[in-house]
């Protein structure tokens, strides 16, 4: 079994989180940015998700949040997101950014600094 090495604290993460509606997506995005848990949150409406939940296959229309933060802020961001999110088991996946515009990545680090 391969064990993943956590990214360095200053690594920029792109985190994915689906929301059931525009209101919850907007509230989560605004809070994460206002509290400097994320530099930016983009909301993509019109995402259709198909998944198995409680033994049944379900398809729902959702809004997908793209949350830009750092590895150092991930745990605090996750804790806050889980208090705000209406789902019992929200999707939250953080992916380290391997390449990007250096000035933008520096901006994400600066804006997400606790």
N, C-alpha and C. Protein backbone atom coordinates (compact mmCIF):
# COMPACT_ATOMS: atom_id res chain seq x y z
N UNK A 1 0.84 -1.18 0.00
CA UNK A 1 0.00 0.00 0.00
C UNK A 1 0.89 1.24 0.00
N UNK A 2 0.58 2.17 -0.88
CA UNK A 2 1.35 3.41 -0.99
C UNK A 2 0.74 4.47 -0.07
N UNK A 3 1.57 5.14 0.68
CA UNK A 3 1.12 6.20 1.58
C UNK A 3 1.47 7.54 0.94
N UNK A 4 0.48 8.40 0.80
CA UNK A 4 0.70 9.72 0.21
C UNK A 4 1.44 10.61 1.18
N UNK A 5 2.39 11.37 0.67
CA UNK A 5 3.11 12.34 1.47
C UNK A 5 2.33 13.65 1.45
N UNK A 6 2.04 14.22 2.61
CA UNK A 6 1.31 15.49 2.61
C UNK A 6 2.13 16.58 1.92
N UNK A 7 1.44 17.50 1.24
CA UNK A 7 2.16 18.60 0.60
C UNK A 7 2.75 19.54 1.65
N UNK A 8 3.79 20.30 1.27
CA UNK A 8 4.32 21.29 2.22
C UNK A 8 3.26 22.33 2.58
N UNK A 9 3.41 22.95 3.73
CA UNK A 9 2.41 23.89 4.25
C UNK A 9 2.13 25.03 3.28
N UNK A 10 3.13 25.45 2.51
CA UNK A 10 2.92 26.58 1.60
C UNK A 10 2.40 26.15 0.23
N UNK A 11 2.13 24.85 0.05
CA UNK A 11 1.58 24.37 -1.22
C UNK A 11 0.18 24.92 -1.42
N UNK A 12 -0.11 25.33 -2.64
CA UNK A 12 -1.46 25.79 -2.98
C UNK A 12 -2.30 24.56 -3.32
N UNK A 13 -3.52 24.56 -2.81
CA UNK A 13 -4.46 23.47 -3.07
C UNK A 13 -5.65 24.00 -3.86
N UNK A 14 -6.16 23.16 -4.74
CA UNK A 14 -7.44 23.41 -5.40
C UNK A 14 -8.39 22.38 -4.80
N UNK A 15 -9.40 22.86 -4.08
CA UNK A 15 -10.32 21.97 -3.37
C UNK A 15 -11.68 22.00 -4.04
N UNK A 16 -12.26 20.83 -4.16
CA UNK A 16 -13.57 20.68 -4.79
C UNK A 16 -14.61 20.40 -3.71
N UNK A 17 -15.76 21.07 -3.81
CA UNK A 17 -16.86 20.84 -2.88
C UNK A 17 -18.17 21.09 -3.61
N UNK A 18 -19.06 20.11 -3.60
CA UNK A 18 -20.36 20.30 -4.25
C UNK A 18 -21.39 20.75 -3.21
N UNK A 19 -22.33 21.61 -3.68
CA UNK A 19 -23.38 22.17 -2.83
C UNK A 19 -24.73 21.95 -3.50
N UNK A 20 -25.79 21.83 -2.72
CA UNK A 20 -27.09 21.54 -3.30
C UNK A 20 -27.77 22.71 -4.02
N UNK A 21 -27.35 23.94 -3.72
CA UNK A 21 -28.04 25.10 -4.29
C UNK A 21 -27.12 26.33 -4.28
N UNK A 22 -27.56 27.35 -4.99
CA UNK A 22 -26.77 28.57 -5.11
C UNK A 22 -26.61 29.28 -3.77
N UNK A 23 -27.65 29.27 -2.95
CA UNK A 23 -27.58 29.99 -1.67
C UNK A 23 -26.52 29.40 -0.74
N UNK A 24 -26.48 28.08 -0.61
CA UNK A 24 -25.47 27.49 0.28
C UNK A 24 -24.07 27.66 -0.31
N UNK A 25 -23.94 27.54 -1.62
CA UNK A 25 -22.64 27.73 -2.27
C UNK A 25 -22.13 29.15 -2.04
N UNK A 26 -23.00 30.12 -2.22
CA UNK A 26 -22.61 31.53 -2.04
C UNK A 26 -22.23 31.82 -0.59
N UNK A 27 -22.99 31.29 0.35
CA UNK A 27 -22.70 31.53 1.77
C UNK A 27 -21.37 30.91 2.17
N UNK A 28 -21.11 29.69 1.73
CA UNK A 28 -19.85 29.02 2.05
C UNK A 28 -18.69 29.79 1.43
N UNK A 29 -18.81 30.15 0.15
CA UNK A 29 -17.74 30.88 -0.54
C UNK A 29 -17.42 32.20 0.17
N UNK A 30 -18.44 32.96 0.48
CA UNK A 30 -18.24 34.26 1.12
C UNK A 30 -17.57 34.11 2.49
N UNK A 31 -17.99 33.14 3.27
CA UNK A 31 -17.42 32.93 4.59
C UNK A 31 -15.97 32.51 4.51
N UNK A 32 -15.65 31.57 3.63
CA UNK A 32 -14.26 31.09 3.53
C UNK A 32 -13.31 32.20 3.12
N UNK A 33 -13.75 33.06 2.19
CA UNK A 33 -12.89 34.16 1.75
C UNK A 33 -12.83 35.24 2.84
N UNK A 34 -13.98 35.57 3.42
CA UNK A 34 -14.01 36.61 4.46
C UNK A 34 -13.12 36.25 5.64
N UNK A 35 -13.08 34.97 6.00
CA UNK A 35 -12.30 34.53 7.16
C UNK A 35 -10.87 34.12 6.78
N UNK A 36 -10.47 34.43 5.55
CA UNK A 36 -9.12 34.15 5.05
C UNK A 36 -8.75 32.66 5.12
N UNK A 37 -9.76 31.82 4.97
CA UNK A 37 -9.52 30.38 4.90
C UNK A 37 -9.29 29.96 3.45
N UNK A 38 -9.63 30.85 2.53
CA UNK A 38 -9.41 30.65 1.10
C UNK A 38 -9.16 32.01 0.47
N UNK A 39 -8.35 32.02 -0.58
CA UNK A 39 -8.08 33.26 -1.29
C UNK A 39 -9.21 33.58 -2.25
N UNK A 40 -9.78 32.54 -2.84
CA UNK A 40 -10.82 32.70 -3.85
C UNK A 40 -11.65 31.43 -3.88
N UNK A 41 -12.94 31.58 -4.13
CA UNK A 41 -13.81 30.43 -4.34
C UNK A 41 -14.63 30.70 -5.59
N UNK A 42 -14.50 29.85 -6.58
CA UNK A 42 -15.29 29.96 -7.80
C UNK A 42 -16.44 28.98 -7.71
N UNK A 43 -17.62 29.41 -8.17
CA UNK A 43 -18.80 28.56 -8.12
C UNK A 43 -19.26 28.24 -9.54
N UNK A 44 -19.34 26.95 -9.83
CA UNK A 44 -19.79 26.49 -11.14
C UNK A 44 -21.19 25.91 -11.00
N UNK A 45 -22.23 26.63 -11.45
CA UNK A 45 -23.58 26.09 -11.38
C UNK A 45 -23.81 25.05 -12.48
N UNK A 46 -24.87 24.30 -12.35
CA UNK A 46 -25.25 23.39 -13.42
C UNK A 46 -24.47 22.09 -13.47
N UNK A 47 -23.88 21.67 -12.36
CA UNK A 47 -23.17 20.40 -12.30
C UNK A 47 -24.18 19.32 -11.93
N UNK A 48 -24.14 18.22 -12.64
CA UNK A 48 -25.00 17.09 -12.31
C UNK A 48 -24.14 15.99 -11.72
N UNK A 49 -24.47 15.55 -10.52
CA UNK A 49 -23.71 14.51 -9.84
C UNK A 49 -24.56 13.25 -9.70
N UNK A 50 -23.96 12.12 -10.02
CA UNK A 50 -24.60 10.82 -9.83
C UNK A 50 -23.75 10.04 -8.86
N UNK A 51 -24.37 9.51 -7.81
CA UNK A 51 -23.63 8.85 -6.75
C UNK A 51 -24.54 7.85 -6.02
N UNK A 52 -23.92 6.96 -5.27
CA UNK A 52 -24.69 6.02 -4.46
C UNK A 52 -24.75 6.59 -3.04
N UNK A 53 -25.96 6.70 -2.50
CA UNK A 53 -26.14 7.20 -1.15
C UNK A 53 -27.21 6.36 -0.46
N UNK A 54 -26.86 5.79 0.66
CA UNK A 54 -27.76 4.96 1.46
C UNK A 54 -28.41 3.86 0.63
N UNK A 55 -27.57 3.21 -0.20
CA UNK A 55 -28.00 2.06 -0.98
C UNK A 55 -28.71 2.35 -2.28
N UNK A 56 -28.92 3.61 -2.62
CA UNK A 56 -29.62 3.95 -3.86
C UNK A 56 -28.75 4.86 -4.72
N UNK A 57 -28.86 4.68 -6.04
CA UNK A 57 -28.17 5.58 -6.96
C UNK A 57 -29.03 6.81 -7.13
N UNK A 58 -28.41 7.97 -6.94
CA UNK A 58 -29.11 9.25 -6.96
C UNK A 58 -28.43 10.18 -7.94
N UNK A 59 -29.20 11.02 -8.60
CA UNK A 59 -28.66 12.06 -9.47
C UNK A 59 -29.26 13.39 -9.02
N UNK A 60 -28.37 14.37 -8.78
CA UNK A 60 -28.81 15.70 -8.31
C UNK A 60 -28.11 16.79 -9.11
N UNK A 61 -28.80 17.91 -9.27
CA UNK A 61 -28.18 19.12 -9.80
C UNK A 61 -27.51 19.82 -8.63
N UNK A 62 -26.26 20.23 -8.84
CA UNK A 62 -25.49 20.85 -7.77
C UNK A 62 -24.69 22.04 -8.29
N UNK A 63 -24.07 22.75 -7.37
CA UNK A 63 -23.12 23.82 -7.66
C UNK A 63 -21.78 23.34 -7.14
N UNK A 64 -20.75 23.45 -7.98
CA UNK A 64 -19.42 22.99 -7.59
C UNK A 64 -18.56 24.18 -7.20
N UNK A 65 -18.02 24.13 -5.98
CA UNK A 65 -17.09 25.15 -5.52
C UNK A 65 -15.67 24.71 -5.84
N UNK A 66 -14.87 25.64 -6.37
CA UNK A 66 -13.44 25.45 -6.57
C UNK A 66 -12.77 26.40 -5.58
N UNK A 67 -12.23 25.84 -4.52
CA UNK A 67 -11.69 26.61 -3.41
C UNK A 67 -10.17 26.65 -3.53
N UNK A 68 -9.61 27.85 -3.58
CA UNK A 68 -8.16 28.01 -3.67
C UNK A 68 -7.62 28.41 -2.31
N UNK A 69 -6.78 27.55 -1.73
CA UNK A 69 -6.23 27.79 -0.40
C UNK A 69 -4.84 27.15 -0.33
N UNK A 70 -4.29 27.07 0.86
CA UNK A 70 -2.98 26.42 1.04
C UNK A 70 -3.14 25.19 1.93
N UNK A 71 -2.14 24.33 1.86
CA UNK A 71 -2.13 23.14 2.71
C UNK A 71 -2.17 23.53 4.18
N UNK A 72 -1.51 24.62 4.53
CA UNK A 72 -1.50 25.07 5.93
C UNK A 72 -2.88 25.46 6.43
N UNK A 73 -3.74 25.92 5.54
CA UNK A 73 -5.08 26.39 5.92
C UNK A 73 -6.16 25.33 5.71
N UNK A 74 -5.78 24.19 5.13
CA UNK A 74 -6.79 23.19 4.76
C UNK A 74 -7.62 22.73 5.95
N UNK A 75 -7.01 22.34 7.05
CA UNK A 75 -7.76 21.80 8.19
C UNK A 75 -8.74 22.83 8.75
N UNK A 76 -8.30 24.07 8.89
CA UNK A 76 -9.20 25.12 9.39
C UNK A 76 -10.33 25.38 8.40
N UNK A 77 -10.00 25.39 7.11
CA UNK A 77 -11.03 25.58 6.08
C UNK A 77 -12.03 24.43 6.12
N UNK A 78 -11.53 23.20 6.23
CA UNK A 78 -12.40 22.02 6.28
C UNK A 78 -13.34 22.09 7.48
N UNK A 79 -12.80 22.42 8.63
CA UNK A 79 -13.62 22.51 9.84
C UNK A 79 -14.75 23.52 9.67
N UNK A 80 -14.42 24.68 9.12
CA UNK A 80 -15.43 25.73 8.92
C UNK A 80 -16.45 25.32 7.87
N UNK A 81 -15.99 24.75 6.78
CA UNK A 81 -16.89 24.30 5.71
C UNK A 81 -17.88 23.28 6.25
N UNK A 82 -17.41 22.35 7.06
CA UNK A 82 -18.30 21.31 7.58
C UNK A 82 -19.37 21.89 8.51
N UNK A 83 -19.07 23.00 9.18
CA UNK A 83 -20.10 23.63 10.03
C UNK A 83 -21.15 24.37 9.19
N UNK A 84 -20.78 24.79 8.00
CA UNK A 84 -21.69 25.57 7.14
C UNK A 84 -22.48 24.72 6.16
N UNK A 85 -21.97 23.58 5.79
CA UNK A 85 -22.52 22.79 4.69
C UNK A 85 -23.79 22.07 5.09
N UNK A 86 -24.83 22.10 4.22
CA UNK A 86 -26.09 21.43 4.58
C UNK A 86 -26.07 19.90 4.42
N UNK A 87 -25.11 19.35 3.69
CA UNK A 87 -25.08 17.90 3.50
C UNK A 87 -24.57 17.19 4.75
N UNK A 88 -25.06 15.99 4.95
CA UNK A 88 -24.57 15.13 6.04
C UNK A 88 -23.12 14.73 5.80
N UNK A 89 -22.76 14.48 4.53
CA UNK A 89 -21.41 14.06 4.16
C UNK A 89 -20.97 14.86 2.94
N UNK A 90 -20.51 16.10 3.15
CA UNK A 90 -20.11 16.93 2.01
C UNK A 90 -18.85 16.40 1.32
N UNK A 91 -18.83 16.57 0.02
CA UNK A 91 -17.62 16.30 -0.76
C UNK A 91 -16.62 17.40 -0.45
N UNK A 92 -15.40 17.02 -0.11
CA UNK A 92 -14.31 17.98 0.00
C UNK A 92 -13.03 17.24 -0.33
N UNK A 93 -12.44 17.60 -1.46
CA UNK A 93 -11.22 16.97 -1.94
C UNK A 93 -10.22 18.08 -2.26
N UNK A 94 -9.04 17.99 -1.69
CA UNK A 94 -7.98 18.97 -1.95
C UNK A 94 -6.89 18.36 -2.80
N UNK A 95 -6.56 19.04 -3.89
CA UNK A 95 -5.55 18.57 -4.83
C UNK A 95 -4.41 19.59 -4.88
N UNK A 96 -3.17 19.15 -4.60
CA UNK A 96 -2.05 20.10 -4.69
C UNK A 96 -1.87 20.59 -6.13
N UNK A 97 -1.60 21.88 -6.26
CA UNK A 97 -1.35 22.47 -7.56
C UNK A 97 0.13 22.25 -7.90
N UNK A 98 0.38 21.53 -8.99
CA UNK A 98 1.75 21.21 -9.38
C UNK A 98 2.38 22.31 -10.23
N UNK A 99 1.58 23.00 -11.00
CA UNK A 99 2.06 24.06 -11.89
C UNK A 99 1.05 25.19 -11.86
N UNK A 100 1.53 26.41 -12.10
CA UNK A 100 0.63 27.54 -12.15
C UNK A 100 1.40 28.84 -12.34
N UNK A 101 0.65 29.90 -12.54
CA UNK A 101 1.22 31.24 -12.68
C UNK A 101 1.76 31.65 -11.31
N UNK A 102 3.07 31.80 -11.20
CA UNK A 102 3.72 32.03 -9.91
C UNK A 102 3.11 33.22 -9.16
N UNK A 103 2.84 34.31 -9.85
CA UNK A 103 2.28 35.49 -9.18
C UNK A 103 0.90 35.17 -8.60
N UNK A 104 0.09 34.40 -9.31
CA UNK A 104 -1.23 34.01 -8.81
C UNK A 104 -1.08 33.10 -7.59
N UNK A 105 -0.21 32.12 -7.67
CA UNK A 105 -0.02 31.20 -6.55
C UNK A 105 0.49 31.94 -5.31
N UNK A 106 1.37 32.92 -5.51
CA UNK A 106 1.83 33.74 -4.39
C UNK A 106 0.68 34.54 -3.78
N UNK A 107 -0.21 35.04 -4.65
CA UNK A 107 -1.38 35.78 -4.20
C UNK A 107 -2.28 34.87 -3.35
N UNK A 108 -2.49 33.62 -3.79
CA UNK A 108 -3.30 32.68 -3.01
C UNK A 108 -2.67 32.49 -1.63
N UNK A 109 -1.38 32.31 -1.58
CA UNK A 109 -0.69 32.14 -0.29
C UNK A 109 -0.90 33.36 0.61
N UNK A 110 -0.74 34.54 0.02
CA UNK A 110 -0.88 35.79 0.79
C UNK A 110 -2.30 35.96 1.31
N UNK A 111 -3.29 35.72 0.47
CA UNK A 111 -4.68 35.94 0.84
C UNK A 111 -5.21 34.88 1.81
N UNK A 112 -4.59 33.71 1.83
CA UNK A 112 -5.02 32.62 2.72
C UNK A 112 -4.25 32.58 4.02
N UNK A 113 -3.32 33.48 4.19
CA UNK A 113 -2.48 33.46 5.39
C UNK A 113 -3.34 33.71 6.63
N UNK A 114 -3.17 32.86 7.62
CA UNK A 114 -3.94 33.00 8.87
C UNK A 114 -3.35 34.06 9.71
